[in-house]
PDB file of N, CA and C in Angstrom:
ATOM      1  N   UNK A   1     -22.781  17.507 -10.583  1.00  0.00           N
ATOM      2  CA  UNK A   1     -21.787  16.469 -10.504  1.00  0.00           C
ATOM      3  C   UNK A   1     -21.873  15.602 -11.761  1.00  0.00           C
ATOM      4  N   UNK A   2     -20.754  15.193 -12.222  1.00  0.00           N
ATOM      5  CA  UNK A   2     -20.753  14.336 -13.406  1.00  0.00           C
ATOM      6  C   UNK A   2     -21.196  12.927 -13.042  1.00  0.00           C
ATOM      7  N   UNK A   3     -21.609  12.181 -14.041  1.00  0.00           N
ATOM      8  CA  UNK A   3     -21.989  10.787 -13.831  1.00  0.00           C
ATOM      9  C   UNK A   3     -20.853   9.988 -13.207  1.00  0.00           C
ATOM     10  N   UNK A   4     -19.632  10.230 -13.671  1.00  0.00           N
ATOM     11  CA  UNK A   4     -18.473   9.505 -13.151  1.00  0.00           C
ATOM     12  C   UNK A   4     -18.306   9.750 -11.660  1.00  0.00           C
ATOM     13  N   UNK A   5     -18.390  11.004 -11.240  1.00  0.00           N
ATOM     14  CA  UNK A   5     -18.212  11.347  -9.825  1.00  0.00           C
ATOM     15  C   UNK A   5     -19.341  10.755  -8.993  1.00  0.00           C
ATOM     16  N   UNK A   6     -20.565  10.823  -9.489  1.00  0.00           N
ATOM     17  CA  UNK A   6     -21.696  10.241  -8.769  1.00  0.00           C
ATOM     18  C   UNK A   6     -21.521   8.729  -8.612  1.00  0.00           C
ATOM     19  N   UNK A   7     -21.088   8.082  -9.668  1.00  0.00           N
ATOM     20  CA  UNK A   7     -20.876   6.634  -9.614  1.00  0.00           C
ATOM     21  C   UNK A   7     -19.747   6.291  -8.644  1.00  0.00           C
ATOM     22  N   UNK A   8     -18.665   7.059  -8.696  1.00  0.00           N
ATOM     23  CA  UNK A   8     -17.546   6.830  -7.785  1.00  0.00           C
ATOM     24  C   UNK A   8     -17.987   7.018  -6.335  1.00  0.00           C
ATOM     25  N   UNK A   9     -18.731   8.091  -6.059  1.00  0.00           N
ATOM     26  CA  UNK A   9     -19.230   8.327  -4.699  1.00  0.00           C
ATOM     27  C   UNK A   9     -20.109   7.178  -4.224  1.00  0.00           C
ATOM     28  N   UNK A  10     -20.976   6.684  -5.100  1.00  0.00           N
ATOM     29  CA  UNK A  10     -21.863   5.572  -4.739  1.00  0.00           C
ATOM     30  C   UNK A  10     -21.054   4.313  -4.436  1.00  0.00           C
ATOM     31  N   UNK A  11     -20.032   4.042  -5.230  1.00  0.00           N
ATOM     32  CA  UNK A  11     -19.204   2.855  -5.000  1.00  0.00           C
ATOM     33  C   UNK A  11     -18.415   2.967  -3.699  1.00  0.00           C
ATOM     34  N   UNK A  12     -17.868   4.139  -3.428  1.00  0.00           N
ATOM     35  CA  UNK A  12     -17.113   4.342  -2.189  1.00  0.00           C
ATOM     36  C   UNK A  12     -18.034   4.196  -0.985  1.00  0.00           C
ATOM     37  N   UNK A  13     -19.198   4.836  -1.035  1.00  0.00           N
ATOM     38  CA  UNK A  13     -20.157   4.743   0.069  1.00  0.00           C
ATOM     39  C   UNK A  13     -20.598   3.305   0.292  1.00  0.00           C
ATOM     40  N   UNK A  14     -20.828   2.575  -0.792  1.00  0.00           N
ATOM     41  CA  UNK A  14     -21.225   1.174  -0.682  1.00  0.00           C
ATOM     42  C   UNK A  14     -20.141   0.316  -0.065  1.00  0.00           C
ATOM     43  N   UNK A  15     -18.899   0.559  -0.459  1.00  0.00           N
ATOM     44  CA  UNK A  15     -17.779  -0.206   0.102  1.00  0.00           C
ATOM     45  C   UNK A  15     -17.642   0.058   1.599  1.00  0.00           C
ATOM     46  N   UNK A  16     -17.780   1.310   1.994  1.00  0.00           N
ATOM     47  CA  UNK A  16     -17.680   1.663   3.415  1.00  0.00           C
ATOM     48  C   UNK A  16     -18.817   1.023   4.197  1.00  0.00           C
ATOM     49  N   UNK A  17     -20.040   1.112   3.678  1.00  0.00           N
ATOM     50  CA  UNK A  17     -21.194   0.517   4.366  1.00  0.00           C
ATOM     51  C   UNK A  17     -21.021  -0.993   4.507  1.00  0.00           C
ATOM     52  N   UNK A  18     -20.542  -1.648   3.460  1.00  0.00           N
ATOM     53  CA  UNK A  18     -20.327  -3.091   3.520  1.00  0.00           C
ATOM     54  C   UNK A  18     -19.285  -3.474   4.548  1.00  0.00           C
ATOM     55  N   UNK A  19     -18.206  -2.727   4.601  1.00  0.00           N
ATOM     56  CA  UNK A  19     -17.148  -3.019   5.571  1.00  0.00           C
ATOM     57  C   UNK A  19     -17.624  -2.764   6.996  1.00  0.00           C
ATOM     58  N   UNK A  20     -18.371  -1.695   7.204  1.00  0.00           N
ATOM     59  CA  UNK A  20     -18.835  -1.371   8.555  1.00  0.00           C
ATOM     60  C   UNK A  20     -19.746  -2.448   9.129  1.00  0.00           C
ATOM     61  N   UNK A  21     -20.497  -3.131   8.277  1.00  0.00           N
ATOM     62  CA  UNK A  21     -21.381  -4.201   8.761  1.00  0.00           C
ATOM     63  C   UNK A  21     -20.585  -5.337   9.402  1.00  0.00           C
ATOM     64  N   UNK A  22     -19.340  -5.509   8.977  1.00  0.00           N
ATOM     65  CA  UNK A  22     -18.516  -6.609   9.491  1.00  0.00           C
ATOM     66  C   UNK A  22     -17.461  -6.135  10.482  1.00  0.00           C
ATOM     67  N   UNK A  23     -17.492  -4.874  10.857  1.00  0.00           N
ATOM     68  CA  UNK A  23     -16.513  -4.341  11.807  1.00  0.00           C
ATOM     69  C   UNK A  23     -17.015  -4.485  13.228  1.00  0.00           C
ATOM     70  N   UNK A  24     -16.094  -4.685  14.135  1.00  0.00           N
ATOM     71  CA  UNK A  24     -16.426  -4.722  15.555  1.00  0.00           C
ATOM     72  C   UNK A  24     -15.507  -3.766  16.297  1.00  0.00           C
ATOM     73  N   UNK A  25     -15.981  -3.315  17.427  1.00  0.00           N
ATOM     74  CA  UNK A  25     -15.142  -2.541  18.336  1.00  0.00           C
ATOM     75  C   UNK A  25     -14.691  -3.490  19.434  1.00  0.00           C
ATOM     76  N   UNK A  26     -13.436  -3.400  19.801  1.00  0.00           N
ATOM     77  CA  UNK A  26     -12.901  -4.237  20.871  1.00  0.00           C
ATOM     78  C   UNK A  26     -12.440  -3.312  21.988  1.00  0.00           C
ATOM     79  N   UNK A  27     -13.111  -3.407  23.114  1.00  0.00           N
ATOM     80  CA  UNK A  27     -12.725  -2.619  24.285  1.00  0.00           C
ATOM     81  C   UNK A  27     -11.869  -3.501  25.172  1.00  0.00           C
ATOM     82  N   UNK A  28     -10.810  -2.901  25.685  1.00  0.00           N
ATOM     83  CA  UNK A  28      -9.848  -3.702  26.447  1.00  0.00           C
ATOM     84  C   UNK A  28      -9.650  -3.217  27.874  1.00  0.00           C
ATOM     85  N   UNK A  29     -10.556  -2.407  28.373  1.00  0.00           N
ATOM     86  CA  UNK A  29     -10.438  -1.923  29.739  1.00  0.00           C
ATOM     87  C   UNK A  29      -9.668  -0.629  29.854  1.00  0.00           C
ATOM     88  N   UNK A  30      -8.766  -0.367  28.922  1.00  0.00           N
ATOM     89  CA  UNK A  30      -7.990   0.874  28.935  1.00  0.00           C
ATOM     90  C   UNK A  30      -8.167   1.675  27.661  1.00  0.00           C
ATOM     91  N   UNK A  31      -8.781   1.092  26.667  1.00  0.00           N
ATOM     92  CA  UNK A  31      -8.957   1.758  25.387  1.00  0.00           C
ATOM     93  C   UNK A  31      -9.808   0.897  24.483  1.00  0.00           C
ATOM     94  N   UNK A  32      -9.716   1.186  23.200  1.00  0.00           N
ATOM     95  CA  UNK A  32     -10.522   0.438  22.232  1.00  0.00           C
ATOM     96  C   UNK A  32      -9.742   0.277  20.940  1.00  0.00           C
ATOM     97  N   UNK A  33     -10.122  -0.730  20.190  1.00  0.00           N
ATOM     98  CA  UNK A  33      -9.532  -0.978  18.881  1.00  0.00           C
ATOM     99  C   UNK A  33     -10.590  -1.560  17.968  1.00  0.00           C
ATOM    100  N   UNK A  34     -10.169  -2.000  16.812  1.00  0.00           N
ATOM    101  CA  UNK A  34     -11.082  -2.525  15.803  1.00  0.00           C
ATOM    102  C   UNK A  34     -10.794  -3.986  15.536  1.00  0.00           C
ATOM    103  N   UNK A  35     -11.780  -4.632  14.962  1.00  0.00           N
ATOM    104  CA  UNK A  35     -11.625  -5.988  14.471  1.00  0.00           C
ATOM    105  C   UNK A  35     -12.617  -6.205  13.348  1.00  0.00           C
ATOM    106  N   UNK A  36     -12.498  -7.338  12.686  1.00  0.00           N
ATOM    107  CA  UNK A  36     -13.445  -7.677  11.631  1.00  0.00           C
ATOM    108  C   UNK A  36     -13.989  -9.079  11.875  1.00  0.00           C
ATOM    109  N   UNK A  37     -15.219  -9.274  11.444  1.00  0.00           N
ATOM    110  CA  UNK A  37     -15.814 -10.605  11.493  1.00  0.00           C
ATOM    111  C   UNK A  37     -15.258 -11.373  10.305  1.00  0.00           C
ATOM    112  N   UNK A  38     -14.459 -12.381  10.589  1.00  0.00           N
ATOM    113  CA  UNK A  38     -13.805 -13.176   9.554  1.00  0.00           C
ATOM    114  C   UNK A  38     -14.710 -14.294   9.065  1.00  0.00           C
ATOM    115  N   UNK A  39     -15.454 -14.887  10.031  1.00  0.00           N
ATOM    116  CA  UNK A  39     -16.394 -15.958   9.691  1.00  0.00           C
ATOM    117  C   UNK A  39     -17.718 -15.688  10.402  1.00  0.00           C
ATOM    118  N   UNK A  40     -18.802 -16.111   9.782  1.00  0.00           N
ATOM    119  CA  UNK A  40     -20.142 -15.861  10.307  1.00  0.00           C
ATOM    120  C   UNK A  40     -20.402 -16.546  11.645  1.00  0.00           C
ATOM    121  N   UNK A  41     -19.560 -17.515  12.017  1.00  0.00           N
ATOM    122  CA  UNK A  41     -19.755 -18.237  13.276  1.00  0.00           C
ATOM    123  C   UNK A  41     -19.064 -17.571  14.463  1.00  0.00           C
ATOM    124  N   UNK A  42     -18.599 -16.329  14.300  1.00  0.00           N
ATOM    125  CA  UNK A  42     -18.057 -15.582  15.432  1.00  0.00           C
ATOM    126  C   UNK A  42     -16.554 -15.482  15.510  1.00  0.00           C
ATOM    127  N   UNK A  43     -15.840 -15.846  14.446  1.00  0.00           N
ATOM    128  CA  UNK A  43     -14.387 -15.674  14.432  1.00  0.00           C
ATOM    129  C   UNK A  43     -14.074 -14.218  14.106  1.00  0.00           C
ATOM    130  N   UNK A  44     -13.337 -13.572  14.996  1.00  0.00           N
ATOM    131  CA  UNK A  44     -12.971 -12.163  14.872  1.00  0.00           C
ATOM    132  C   UNK A  44     -11.461 -12.074  14.711  1.00  0.00           C
ATOM    133  N   UNK A  45     -10.996 -11.221  13.804  1.00  0.00           N
ATOM    134  CA  UNK A  45      -9.566 -10.972  13.627  1.00  0.00           C
ATOM    135  C   UNK A  45      -9.299  -9.518  13.995  1.00  0.00           C
ATOM    136  N   UNK A  46      -8.237  -9.310  14.762  1.00  0.00           N
ATOM    137  CA  UNK A  46      -7.851  -7.969  15.183  1.00  0.00           C
ATOM    138  C   UNK A  46      -6.331  -7.899  15.246  1.00  0.00           C
ATOM    139  N   UNK A  47      -5.821  -6.774  15.705  1.00  0.00           N
ATOM    140  CA  UNK A  47      -4.384  -6.626  15.917  1.00  0.00           C
ATOM    141  C   UNK A  47      -4.021  -7.147  17.303  1.00  0.00           C
ATOM    142  N   UNK A  48      -2.892  -7.815  17.397  1.00  0.00           N
ATOM    143  CA  UNK A  48      -2.449  -8.374  18.676  1.00  0.00           C
ATOM    144  C   UNK A  48      -2.248  -7.285  19.720  1.00  0.00           C
ATOM    145  N   UNK A  49      -1.797  -6.098  19.302  1.00  0.00           N
ATOM    146  CA  UNK A  49      -1.553  -5.044  20.295  1.00  0.00           C
ATOM    147  C   UNK A  49      -2.847  -4.556  20.949  1.00  0.00           C
ATOM    148  N   UNK A  50      -3.985  -4.760  20.301  1.00  0.00           N
ATOM    149  CA  UNK A  50      -5.270  -4.340  20.871  1.00  0.00           C
ATOM    150  C   UNK A  50      -5.608  -5.166  22.107  1.00  0.00           C
ATOM    151  N   UNK A  51      -5.213  -6.436  22.117  1.00  0.00           N
ATOM    152  CA  UNK A  51      -5.582  -7.320  23.230  1.00  0.00           C
ATOM    153  C   UNK A  51      -4.410  -7.694  24.129  1.00  0.00           C
ATOM    154  N   UNK A  52      -3.197  -7.306  23.772  1.00  0.00           N
ATOM    155  CA  UNK A  52      -1.996  -7.719  24.513  1.00  0.00           C
ATOM    156  C   UNK A  52      -2.080  -7.309  25.979  1.00  0.00           C
ATOM    157  N   UNK A  53      -1.978  -8.291  26.854  1.00  0.00           N
ATOM    158  CA  UNK A  53      -1.958  -8.031  28.287  1.00  0.00           C
ATOM    159  C   UNK A  53      -3.277  -7.574  28.868  1.00  0.00           C
ATOM    160  N   UNK A  54      -4.334  -7.629  28.101  1.00  0.00           N
ATOM    161  CA  UNK A  54      -5.640  -7.162  28.574  1.00  0.00           C
ATOM    162  C   UNK A  54      -6.465  -8.355  29.038  1.00  0.00           C
ATOM    163  N   UNK A  55      -7.225  -8.151  30.112  1.00  0.00           N
ATOM    164  CA  UNK A  55      -8.000  -9.251  30.685  1.00  0.00           C
ATOM    165  C   UNK A  55      -9.503  -9.010  30.659  1.00  0.00           C
ATOM    166  N   UNK A  56      -9.934  -7.817  30.383  1.00  0.00           N
ATOM    167  CA  UNK A  56     -11.365  -7.493  30.405  1.00  0.00           C
ATOM    168  C   UNK A  56     -11.811  -7.080  29.011  1.00  0.00           C
ATOM    169  N   UNK A  57     -11.715  -8.005  28.078  1.00  0.00           N
ATOM    170  CA  UNK A  57     -12.055  -7.703  26.687  1.00  0.00           C
ATOM    171  C   UNK A  57     -13.554  -7.785  26.457  1.00  0.00           C
ATOM    172  N   UNK A  58     -14.051  -6.872  25.621  1.00  0.00           N
ATOM    173  CA  UNK A  58     -15.439  -6.892  25.170  1.00  0.00           C
ATOM    174  C   UNK A  58     -15.435  -6.642  23.674  1.00  0.00           C
ATOM    175  N   UNK A  59     -16.234  -7.405  22.945  1.00  0.00           N
ATOM    176  CA  UNK A  59     -16.429  -7.199  21.511  1.00  0.00           C
ATOM    177  C   UNK A  59     -17.824  -6.623  21.333  1.00  0.00           C
ATOM    178  N   UNK A  60     -17.909  -5.479  20.656  1.00  0.00           N
ATOM    179  CA  UNK A  60     -19.188  -4.821  20.413  1.00  0.00           C
ATOM    180  C   UNK A  60     -19.473  -4.859  18.916  1.00  0.00           C
ATOM    181  N   UNK A  61     -20.596  -5.471  18.568  1.00  0.00           N
ATOM    182  CA  UNK A  61     -21.009  -5.568  17.170  1.00  0.00           C
ATOM    183  C   UNK A  61     -21.666  -4.268  16.722  1.00  0.00           C
ATOM    184  N   UNK A  62     -21.812  -4.064  15.411  1.00  0.00           N
ATOM    185  CA  UNK A  62     -22.474  -2.847  14.920  1.00  0.00           C
ATOM    186  C   UNK A  62     -23.897  -2.672  15.458  1.00  0.00           C
ATOM    187  N   UNK A  63     -24.578  -3.777  15.792  1.00  0.00           N
ATOM    188  CA  UNK A  63     -25.941  -3.676  16.338  1.00  0.00           C
ATOM    189  C   UNK A  63     -25.936  -3.459  17.853  1.00  0.00           C
ATOM    190  N   UNK A  64     -24.743  -3.214  18.421  1.00  0.00           N
ATOM    191  CA  UNK A  64     -24.517  -2.885  19.835  1.00  0.00           C
ATOM    192  C   UNK A  64     -24.563  -4.087  20.776  1.00  0.00           C
ATOM    193  N   UNK A  65     -24.734  -5.304  20.262  1.00  0.00           N
ATOM    194  CA  UNK A  65     -24.617  -6.472  21.136  1.00  0.00           C
ATOM    195  C   UNK A  65     -23.170  -6.588  21.595  1.00  0.00           C
ATOM    196  N   UNK A  66     -22.988  -7.004  22.854  1.00  0.00           N
ATOM    197  CA  UNK A  66     -21.646  -7.136  23.427  1.00  0.00           C
ATOM    198  C   UNK A  66     -21.376  -8.578  23.833  1.00  0.00           C
ATOM    199  N   UNK A  67     -20.121  -8.986  23.638  1.00  0.00           N
ATOM    200  CA  UNK A  67     -19.700 -10.347  23.948  1.00  0.00           C
ATOM    201  C   UNK A  67     -18.341 -10.316  24.637  1.00  0.00           C
ATOM    202  N   UNK A  68     -18.114 -11.292  25.497  1.00  0.00           N
ATOM    203  CA  UNK A  68     -16.785 -11.526  26.052  1.00  0.00           C
ATOM    204  C   UNK A  68     -16.119 -12.566  25.154  1.00  0.00           C
ATOM    205  N   UNK A  69     -15.023 -12.206  24.488  1.00  0.00           N
ATOM    206  CA  UNK A  69     -14.408 -13.143  23.541  1.00  0.00           C
ATOM    207  C   UNK A  69     -13.450 -14.119  24.219  1.00  0.00           C
ATOM    208  N   UNK A  70     -13.217 -15.229  23.525  1.00  0.00           N
ATOM    209  CA  UNK A  70     -12.133 -16.141  23.878  1.00  0.00           C
ATOM    210  C   UNK A  70     -10.980 -15.833  22.937  1.00  0.00           C
ATOM    211  N   UNK A  71      -9.772 -15.782  23.458  1.00  0.00           N
ATOM    212  CA  UNK A  71      -8.596 -15.580  22.612  1.00  0.00           C
ATOM    213  C   UNK A  71      -8.189 -16.939  22.067  1.00  0.00           C
ATOM    214  N   UNK A  72      -8.206 -17.081  20.749  1.00  0.00           N
ATOM    215  CA  UNK A  72      -7.846 -18.341  20.101  1.00  0.00           C
ATOM    216  C   UNK A  72      -6.366 -18.408  19.769  1.00  0.00           C
ATOM    217  N   UNK A  73      -5.813 -17.296  19.287  1.00  0.00           N
ATOM    218  CA  UNK A  73      -4.401 -17.281  18.878  1.00  0.00           C
ATOM    219  C   UNK A  73      -3.921 -15.842  18.786  1.00  0.00           C
ATOM    220  N   UNK A  74      -2.619 -15.665  19.019  1.00  0.00           N
ATOM    221  CA  UNK A  74      -1.994 -14.359  18.805  1.00  0.00           C
ATOM    222  C   UNK A  74      -0.660 -14.559  18.107  1.00  0.00           C
ATOM    223  N   UNK A  75      -0.297 -13.586  17.298  1.00  0.00           N
ATOM    224  CA  UNK A  75       1.005 -13.574  16.629  1.00  0.00           C
ATOM    225  C   UNK A  75       1.550 -12.154  16.749  1.00  0.00           C
ATOM    226  N   UNK A  76       2.289 -11.872  17.829  1.00  0.00           N
ATOM    227  CA  UNK A  76       2.800 -10.518  18.041  1.00  0.00           C
ATOM    228  C   UNK A  76       3.702 -10.021  16.915  1.00  0.00           C
ATOM    229  N   UNK A  77       4.451 -10.913  16.278  1.00  0.00           N
ATOM    230  CA  UNK A  77       5.338 -10.469  15.195  1.00  0.00           C
ATOM    231  C   UNK A  77       4.552  -9.933  14.004  1.00  0.00           C
ATOM    232  N   UNK A  78       3.431 -10.546  13.709  1.00  0.00           N
ATOM    233  CA  UNK A  78       2.582 -10.072  12.604  1.00  0.00           C
ATOM    234  C   UNK A  78       1.493  -9.125  13.099  1.00  0.00           C
ATOM    235  N   UNK A  79       1.428  -8.921  14.410  1.00  0.00           N
ATOM    236  CA  UNK A  79       0.431  -8.073  15.059  1.00  0.00           C
ATOM    237  C   UNK A  79      -0.988  -8.526  14.721  1.00  0.00           C
ATOM    238  N   UNK A  80      -1.229  -9.836  14.817  1.00  0.00           N
ATOM    239  CA  UNK A  80      -2.549 -10.405  14.545  1.00  0.00           C
ATOM    240  C   UNK A  80      -3.039 -11.210  15.738  1.00  0.00           C
ATOM    241  N   UNK A  81      -4.354 -11.220  15.911  1.00  0.00           N
ATOM    242  CA  UNK A  81      -4.975 -12.043  16.945  1.00  0.00           C
ATOM    243  C   UNK A  81      -6.309 -12.555  16.425  1.00  0.00           C
ATOM    244  N   UNK A  82      -6.661 -13.758  16.848  1.00  0.00           N
ATOM    245  CA  UNK A  82      -7.953 -14.359  16.508  1.00  0.00           C
ATOM    246  C   UNK A  82      -8.748 -14.535  17.792  1.00  0.00           C
ATOM    247  N   UNK A  83      -9.989 -14.080  17.764  1.00  0.00           N
ATOM    248  CA  UNK A  83     -10.896 -14.183  18.899  1.00  0.00           C
ATOM    249  C   UNK A  83     -12.141 -14.942  18.465  1.00  0.00           C
ATOM    250  N   UNK A  84     -12.864 -15.478  19.432  1.00  0.00           N
ATOM    251  CA  UNK A  84     -14.140 -16.134  19.132  1.00  0.00           C
ATOM    252  C   UNK A  84     -15.206 -15.572  20.056  1.00  0.00           C
ATOM    253  N   UNK A  85     -16.383 -15.316  19.489  1.00  0.00           N
ATOM    254  CA  UNK A  85     -17.534 -14.910  20.283  1.00  0.00           C
ATOM    255  C   UNK A  85     -18.669 -15.895  20.013  1.00  0.00           C
ATOM    256  N   UNK A  86     -19.587 -15.982  20.958  1.00  0.00           N
ATOM    257  CA  UNK A  86     -20.733 -16.890  20.830  1.00  0.00           C
ATOM    258  C   UNK A  86     -21.838 -16.173  20.061  1.00  0.00           C
ATOM    259  N   UNK A  87     -21.693 -16.119  18.759  1.00  0.00           N
ATOM    260  CA  UNK A  87     -22.695 -15.497  17.892  1.00  0.00           C
ATOM    261  C   UNK A  87     -22.702 -16.248  16.570  1.00  0.00           C
ATOM    262  N   UNK A  88     -23.807 -16.180  15.880  1.00  0.00           N
ATOM    263  CA  UNK A  88     -23.951 -16.881  14.606  1.00  0.00           C
ATOM    264  C   UNK A  88     -24.556 -15.951  13.564  1.00  0.00           C
ATOM    265  N   UNK A  89     -24.418 -16.340  12.311  1.00  0.00           N
ATOM    266  CA  UNK A  89     -25.013 -15.606  11.184  1.00  0.00           C
ATOM    267  C   UNK A  89     -24.577 -14.142  11.139  1.00  0.00           C
ATOM    268  N   UNK A  90     -23.323 -13.898  11.455  1.00  0.00           N
ATOM    269  CA  UNK A  90     -22.792 -12.535  11.432  1.00  0.00           C
ATOM    270  C   UNK A  90     -22.385 -12.157  10.014  1.00  0.00           C
ATOM    271  N   UNK A  91     -22.529 -10.882   9.650  1.00  0.00           N
ATOM    272  CA  UNK A  91     -22.017 -10.443   8.350  1.00  0.00           C
ATOM    273  C   UNK A  91     -20.495 -10.477   8.364  1.00  0.00           C
ATOM    274  N   UNK A  92     -19.903 -10.941   7.291  1.00  0.00           N
ATOM    275  CA  UNK A  92     -18.444 -11.064   7.222  1.00  0.00           C
ATOM    276  C   UNK A  92     -17.863 -10.032   6.264  1.00  0.00           C
ATOM    277  N   UNK A  93     -16.589  -9.816   6.410  1.00  0.00           N
ATOM    278  CA  UNK A  93     -15.870  -8.888   5.544  1.00  0.00           C
ATOM    279  C   UNK A  93     -15.652  -9.546   4.182  1.00  0.00           C
ATOM    280  N   UNK A  94     -15.683  -8.736   3.137  1.00  0.00           N
ATOM    281  CA  UNK A  94     -15.336  -9.211   1.801  1.00  0.00           C
ATOM    282  C   UNK A  94     -13.851  -8.948   1.604  1.00  0.00           C
ATOM    283  N   UNK A  95     -13.108  -9.994   1.339  1.00  0.00           N
ATOM    284  CA  UNK A  95     -11.659  -9.859   1.220  1.00  0.00           C
ATOM    285  C   UNK A  95     -11.234  -9.616  -0.221  1.00  0.00           C
ATOM    286  N   UNK A  96     -10.196  -8.835  -0.366  1.00  0.00           N
ATOM    287  CA  UNK A  96      -9.562  -8.635  -1.658  1.00  0.00           C
ATOM    288  C   UNK A  96      -8.185  -9.276  -1.626  1.00  0.00           C
ATOM    289  N   UNK A  97      -7.414  -9.037  -2.644  1.00  0.00           N
ATOM    290  CA  UNK A  97      -6.064  -9.591  -2.741  1.00  0.00           C
ATOM    291  C   UNK A  97      -5.083  -8.432  -2.861  1.00  0.00           C
ATOM    292  N   UNK A  98      -4.380  -8.136  -1.775  1.00  0.00           N
ATOM    293  CA  UNK A  98      -3.469  -6.991  -1.773  1.00  0.00           C
ATOM    294  C   UNK A  98      -2.328  -7.155  -2.766  1.00  0.00           C
ATOM    295  N   UNK A  99      -2.077  -8.376  -3.208  1.00  0.00           N
ATOM    296  CA  UNK A  99      -1.020  -8.586  -4.212  1.00  0.00           C
ATOM    297  C   UNK A  99      -1.394  -7.966  -5.557  1.00  0.00           C
ATOM    298  N   UNK A 100      -2.669  -7.696  -5.747  1.00  0.00           N
ATOM    299  CA  UNK A 100      -3.121  -7.098  -7.005  1.00  0.00           C
ATOM    300  C   UNK A 100      -3.015  -5.575  -7.012  1.00  0.00           C
ATOM    301  N   UNK A 101      -2.714  -4.989  -5.850  1.00  0.00           N
ATOM    302  CA  UNK A 101      -2.571  -3.534  -5.776  1.00  0.00           C
ATOM    303  C   UNK A 101      -1.283  -3.083  -6.450  1.00  0.00           C
ATOM    304  N   UNK A 102      -1.355  -1.893  -7.022  1.00  0.00           N
ATOM    305  CA  UNK A 102      -0.181  -1.291  -7.659  1.00  0.00           C
ATOM    306  C   UNK A 102       0.132   0.024  -6.958  1.00  0.00           C
ATOM    307  N   UNK A 103       1.401   0.422  -6.958  1.00  0.00           N
ATOM    308  CA  UNK A 103       1.752   1.706  -6.351  1.00  0.00           C
ATOM    309  C   UNK A 103       0.914   2.831  -6.956  1.00  0.00           C
ATOM    310  N   UNK A 104       0.395   3.671  -6.081  1.00  0.00           N
ATOM    311  CA  UNK A 104      -0.412   4.803  -6.524  1.00  0.00           C
ATOM    312  C   UNK A 104      -1.904   4.545  -6.512  1.00  0.00           C
ATOM    313  N   UNK A 105      -2.322   3.286  -6.344  1.00  0.00           N
ATOM    314  CA  UNK A 105      -3.752   3.010  -6.284  1.00  0.00           C
ATOM    315  C   UNK A 105      -4.321   3.507  -4.969  1.00  0.00           C
ATOM    316  N   UNK A 106      -5.589   3.874  -5.008  1.00  0.00           N
ATOM    317  CA  UNK A 106      -6.276   4.436  -3.861  1.00  0.00           C
ATOM    318  C   UNK A 106      -6.788   3.317  -2.964  1.00  0.00           C
ATOM    319  N   UNK A 107      -6.556   3.430  -1.656  1.00  0.00           N
ATOM    320  CA  UNK A 107      -7.060   2.462  -0.681  1.00  0.00           C
ATOM    321  C   UNK A 107      -7.688   3.214   0.485  1.00  0.00           C
ATOM    322  N   UNK A 108      -8.528   2.524   1.245  1.00  0.00           N
ATOM    323  CA  UNK A 108      -9.175   3.109   2.419  1.00  0.00           C
ATOM    324  C   UNK A 108      -8.852   2.264   3.642  1.00  0.00           C
ATOM    325  N   UNK A 109      -8.858   2.905   4.788  1.00  0.00           N
ATOM    326  CA  UNK A 109      -8.759   2.207   6.067  1.00  0.00           C
ATOM    327  C   UNK A 109      -9.954   2.635   6.906  1.00  0.00           C
ATOM    328  N   UNK A 110     -10.607   1.657   7.509  1.00  0.00           N
ATOM    329  CA  UNK A 110     -11.784   1.920   8.334  1.00  0.00           C
ATOM    330  C   UNK A 110     -11.536   1.263   9.679  1.00  0.00           C
ATOM    331  N   UNK A 111     -11.810   1.973  10.755  1.00  0.00           N
ATOM    332  CA  UNK A 111     -11.573   1.381  12.061  1.00  0.00           C
ATOM    333  C   UNK A 111     -12.199   2.182  13.176  1.00  0.00           C
ATOM    334  N   UNK A 112     -11.784   1.873  14.394  1.00  0.00           N
ATOM    335  CA  UNK A 112     -12.265   2.536  15.607  1.00  0.00           C
ATOM    336  C   UNK A 112     -11.068   3.101  16.372  1.00  0.00           C
ATOM    337  N   UNK A 113     -10.275   3.979  15.767  1.00  0.00           N
ATOM    338  CA  UNK A 113      -9.096   4.475  16.483  1.00  0.00           C
ATOM    339  C   UNK A 113      -9.493   5.304  17.705  1.00  0.00           C
ATOM    340  N   UNK A 114      -8.878   5.006  18.819  1.00  0.00           N
ATOM    341  CA  UNK A 114      -9.106   5.737  20.063  1.00  0.00           C
ATOM    342  C   UNK A 114     -10.588   5.824  20.400  1.00  0.00           C
ATOM    343  N   UNK A 115     -11.355   4.803  20.032  1.00  0.00           N
ATOM    344  CA  UNK A 115     -12.775   4.763  20.360  1.00  0.00           C
ATOM    345  C   UNK A 115     -13.674   5.551  19.429  1.00  0.00           C
ATOM    346  N   UNK A 116     -13.128   6.118  18.358  1.00  0.00           N
ATOM    347  CA  UNK A 116     -13.941   6.841  17.377  1.00  0.00           C
ATOM    348  C   UNK A 116     -14.525   5.809  16.416  1.00  0.00           C
ATOM    349  N   UNK A 117     -15.805   5.527  16.546  1.00  0.00           N
ATOM    350  CA  UNK A 117     -16.436   4.446  15.789  1.00  0.00           C
ATOM    351  C   UNK A 117     -16.512   4.757  14.301  1.00  0.00           C
ATOM    352  N   UNK A 118     -16.064   3.811  13.493  1.00  0.00           N
ATOM    353  CA  UNK A 118     -16.243   3.871  12.052  1.00  0.00           C
ATOM    354  C   UNK A 118     -15.479   4.958  11.333  1.00  0.00           C
ATOM    355  N   UNK A 119     -14.330   5.353  11.850  1.00  0.00           N
ATOM    356  CA  UNK A 119     -13.525   6.373  11.178  1.00  0.00           C
ATOM    357  C   UNK A 119     -13.007   5.831   9.848  1.00  0.00           C
ATOM    358  N   UNK A 120     -12.986   6.694   8.833  1.00  0.00           N
ATOM    359  CA  UNK A 120     -12.535   6.305   7.496  1.00  0.00           C
ATOM    360  C   UNK A 120     -11.435   7.260   7.065  1.00  0.00           C
ATOM    361  N   UNK A 121     -10.367   6.706   6.505  1.00  0.00           N
ATOM    362  CA  UNK A 121      -9.295   7.525   5.951  1.00  0.00           C
ATOM    363  C   UNK A 121      -8.805   6.879   4.667  1.00  0.00           C
ATOM    364  N   UNK A 122      -8.119   7.660   3.861  1.00  0.00           N
ATOM    365  CA  UNK A 122      -7.556   7.102   2.624  1.00  0.00           C
ATOM    366  C   UNK A 122      -6.144   7.598   2.442  1.00  0.00           C
TER     367      UNK A 122
END
């Protein structure tokens, strides 16, 4: 493998590992979805459709601790929801600026689709 490919692989693997540390699984009684730790004090951001109409929510951290979240806010039009869990010192996601992306640039999506933990696609 060339140095360039090795370096690229290392950077991709590092980015995935960093993102996974801040990912959570959200179980809703009928299925599962993903969320991210937005703030170290337990603020979780997910898609509104993951929690819509669900009453038995559980947030599972990468270390397998489970919490019952409080729903802080939902915005169905933007498909966003904010949850809170009673946890501290959580690893948070590193945010980028999507306005800096250009057509044709490579991006990744990481999540828990249909309960498959940590799936990665590009």
